[in-house]
Amino acid sequence: MTETMGAYAGLFGGMILGLLGLFLGNYFLKKKRGLDERHDMMRTKARAASWFFPLAATYVFFVLHLLNVIISIPFMLAMLILVQMGSWACFILYYHYKH
């Protein structure tokens, strides 16, 4: 029972903290005039390019499944989210320092 409560607290607490960070980040960017067309271009390009990595990770998980490697579904989904968000963050940093 305690493990379930911790899982719910982490799941919904992480969602709330993530949304709060998104809101506060955009709020402070608007105050410093950081939400311009350069920022929009970086986010759009990074989002488009970062989808290749979760696609590759999905293929890796299918190959592991065909090789009878037992991986739990929550672990697999967590890894896909981690790959997606990590690749998106890396591309944001790449486009930020490129221009």
C-alpha atoms as a PDB file:
ATOM      1  CA  MET A   1       0.000   0.000   0.000  1.00  0.00           C
ATOM      2  CA  THR A   2       2.827   2.402   0.840  1.00  0.00           C
ATOM      3  CA  GLU A   3       4.511   1.712  -2.508  1.00  0.00           C
ATOM      4  CA  THR A   4       1.290   2.546  -4.337  1.00  0.00           C
ATOM      5  CA  MET A   5       0.899   5.828  -2.481  1.00  0.00           C
ATOM      6  CA  GLY A   6       4.505   6.730  -3.310  1.00  0.00           C
ATOM      7  CA  ALA A   7       3.894   5.892  -6.961  1.00  0.00           C
ATOM      8  CA  TYR A   8       0.811   8.117  -7.079  1.00  0.00           C
ATOM      9  CA  ALA A   9       2.643  10.910  -5.265  1.00  0.00           C
ATOM     10  CA  GLY A  10       5.555  10.699  -7.695  1.00  0.00           C
ATOM     11  CA  LEU A  11       3.358  10.456 -10.769  1.00  0.00           C
ATOM     12  CA  PHE A  12       1.031  13.327  -9.968  1.00  0.00           C
ATOM     13  CA  GLY A  13       3.642  15.345  -8.072  1.00  0.00           C
ATOM     14  CA  GLY A  14       5.960  15.160 -11.083  1.00  0.00           C
ATOM     15  CA  MET A  15       3.159  16.227 -13.387  1.00  0.00           C
ATOM     16  CA  ILE A  16       2.263  19.184 -11.162  1.00  0.00           C
ATOM     17  CA  LEU A  17       5.906  20.253 -10.788  1.00  0.00           C
ATOM     18  CA  GLY A  18       6.473  19.915 -14.542  1.00  0.00           C
ATOM     19  CA  LEU A  19       3.442  22.051 -15.372  1.00  0.00           C
ATOM     20  CA  LEU A  20       4.465  24.584 -12.738  1.00  0.00           C
ATOM     21  CA  GLY A  21       7.964  24.748 -14.238  1.00  0.00           C
ATOM     22  CA  LEU A  22       6.509  25.196 -17.726  1.00  0.00           C
ATOM     23  CA  PHE A  23       4.209  27.976 -16.540  1.00  0.00           C
ATOM     24  CA  LEU A  24       6.900  29.788 -14.546  1.00  0.00           C
ATOM     25  CA  GLY A  25       9.458  29.397 -17.335  1.00  0.00           C
ATOM     26  CA  ASN A  26       7.119  30.943 -19.894  1.00  0.00           C
ATOM     27  CA  TYR A  27       6.140  33.666 -17.433  1.00  0.00           C
ATOM     28  CA  PHE A  28       9.730  34.713 -16.817  1.00  0.00           C
ATOM     29  CA  LEU A  29      10.595  34.414 -20.516  1.00  0.00           C
ATOM     30  CA  LYS A  30       7.730  36.773 -21.365  1.00  0.00           C
ATOM     31  CA  LYS A  31       8.991  39.254 -18.763  1.00  0.00           C
ATOM     32  CA  LYS A  32      12.468  39.238 -20.329  1.00  0.00           C
ATOM     33  CA  ARG A  33      11.123  39.203 -23.914  1.00  0.00           C
ATOM     34  CA  GLY A  34      12.522  35.728 -24.494  1.00  0.00           C
ATOM     35  CA  LEU A  35       9.534  34.331 -26.397  1.00  0.00           C
ATOM     36  CA  ASP A  36      10.438  35.537 -29.878  1.00  0.00           C
ATOM     37  CA  GLU A  37      10.543  33.917 -33.318  1.00  0.00           C
ATOM     38  CA  ARG A  38      14.030  32.513 -32.627  1.00  0.00           C
ATOM     39  CA  HIS A  39      12.670  30.694 -29.580  1.00  0.00           C
ATOM     40  CA  ASP A  40       9.721  29.363 -31.601  1.00  0.00           C
ATOM     41  CA  MET A  41      12.026  28.165 -34.387  1.00  0.00           C
ATOM     42  CA  MET A  42      14.287  26.319 -31.922  1.00  0.00           C
ATOM     43  CA  ARG A  43      11.345  24.598 -30.233  1.00  0.00           C
ATOM     44  CA  THR A  44       9.758  23.596 -33.555  1.00  0.00           C
ATOM     45  CA  LYS A  45      12.972  22.176 -35.034  1.00  0.00           C
ATOM     46  CA  ALA A  46      13.886  20.388 -31.819  1.00  0.00           C
ATOM     47  CA  ARG A  47      10.442  18.814 -31.493  1.00  0.00           C
ATOM     48  CA  ALA A  48      10.529  17.609 -35.104  1.00  0.00           C
ATOM     49  CA  ALA A  49      14.038  16.149 -34.872  1.00  0.00           C
ATOM     50  CA  SER A  50      13.603  14.527 -31.472  1.00  0.00           C
ATOM     51  CA  TRP A  51      10.965  12.047 -32.691  1.00  0.00           C
ATOM     52  CA  PHE A  52      13.603   9.928 -34.417  1.00  0.00           C
ATOM     53  CA  PHE A  53      15.104   8.772 -31.113  1.00  0.00           C
ATOM     54  CA  PRO A  54      11.895   7.365 -29.543  1.00  0.00           C
ATOM     55  CA  LEU A  55      11.199   5.645 -32.856  1.00  0.00           C
ATOM     56  CA  ALA A  56      14.619   3.971 -32.690  1.00  0.00           C
ATOM     57  CA  ALA A  57      14.049   3.085 -29.025  1.00  0.00           C
ATOM     58  CA  THR A  58      10.700   1.520 -29.937  1.00  0.00           C
ATOM     59  CA  TYR A  59      12.417  -0.669 -32.522  1.00  0.00           C
ATOM     60  CA  VAL A  60      15.029  -1.685 -29.951  1.00  0.00           C
ATOM     61  CA  PHE A  61      12.257  -2.690 -27.531  1.00  0.00           C
ATOM     62  CA  PHE A  62      10.533  -4.729 -30.255  1.00  0.00           C
ATOM     63  CA  VAL A  63      13.801  -6.524 -31.022  1.00  0.00           C
ATOM     64  CA  LEU A  64      14.302  -7.215 -27.313  1.00  0.00           C
ATOM     65  CA  HIS A  65      10.765  -8.598 -27.175  1.00  0.00           C
ATOM     66  CA  LEU A  66      11.515 -10.868 -30.147  1.00  0.00           C
ATOM     67  CA  LEU A  67      14.633 -12.075 -28.310  1.00  0.00           C
ATOM     68  CA  ASN A  68      12.408 -12.992 -25.331  1.00  0.00           C
ATOM     69  CA  VAL A  69      13.913 -10.411 -22.999  1.00  0.00           C
ATOM     70  CA  ILE A  70      11.386  -9.729 -20.269  1.00  0.00           C
ATOM     71  CA  ILE A  71      10.858  -5.994 -19.757  1.00  0.00           C
ATOM     72  CA  SER A  72       7.948  -4.599 -17.814  1.00  0.00           C
ATOM     73  CA  ILE A  73       5.586  -2.229 -19.580  1.00  0.00           C
ATOM     74  CA  PRO A  74       6.022   0.626 -17.053  1.00  0.00           C
ATOM     75  CA  PHE A  75       9.811   0.422 -17.475  1.00  0.00           C
ATOM     76  CA  MET A  76       9.494   0.439 -21.253  1.00  0.00           C
ATOM     77  CA  LEU A  77       7.153   3.443 -21.223  1.00  0.00           C
ATOM     78  CA  ALA A  78       9.390   5.275 -18.762  1.00  0.00           C
ATOM     79  CA  MET A  79      12.395   4.694 -21.018  1.00  0.00           C
ATOM     80  CA  LEU A  80      10.474   5.968 -24.050  1.00  0.00           C
ATOM     81  CA  ILE A  81       9.470   9.138 -22.193  1.00  0.00           C
ATOM     82  CA  LEU A  82      13.044   9.581 -20.978  1.00  0.00           C
ATOM     83  CA  VAL A  83      14.410   9.149 -24.511  1.00  0.00           C
ATOM     84  CA  GLN A  84      11.823  11.561 -25.933  1.00  0.00           C
ATOM     85  CA  MET A  85      12.374  14.311 -23.389  1.00  0.00           C
ATOM     86  CA  GLY A  86      16.131  13.830 -23.305  1.00  0.00           C
ATOM     87  CA  SER A  87      16.499  14.039 -27.082  1.00  0.00           C
ATOM     88  CA  TRP A  88      14.218  17.081 -27.186  1.00  0.00           C
ATOM     89  CA  ALA A  89      16.311  18.827 -24.512  1.00  0.00           C
ATOM     90  CA  CYS A  90      19.534  17.976 -26.361  1.00  0.00           C
ATOM     91  CA  PHE A  91      18.187  19.398 -29.614  1.00  0.00           C
ATOM     92  CA  ILE A  92      16.971  22.543 -27.834  1.00  0.00           C
ATOM     93  CA  LEU A  93      20.486  23.064 -26.480  1.00  0.00           C
ATOM     94  CA  TYR A  94      21.991  22.267 -29.896  1.00  0.00           C
ATOM     95  CA  TYR A  95      19.842  24.825 -31.712  1.00  0.00           C
ATOM     96  CA  HIS A  96      20.335  27.359 -28.918  1.00  0.00           C
ATOM     97  CA  TYR A  97      24.123  27.282 -29.169  1.00  0.00           C
ATOM     98  CA  LYS A  98      24.149  26.872 -32.958  1.00  0.00           C
ATOM     99  CA  HIS A  99      22.550  30.284 -33.511  1.00  0.00           C
END
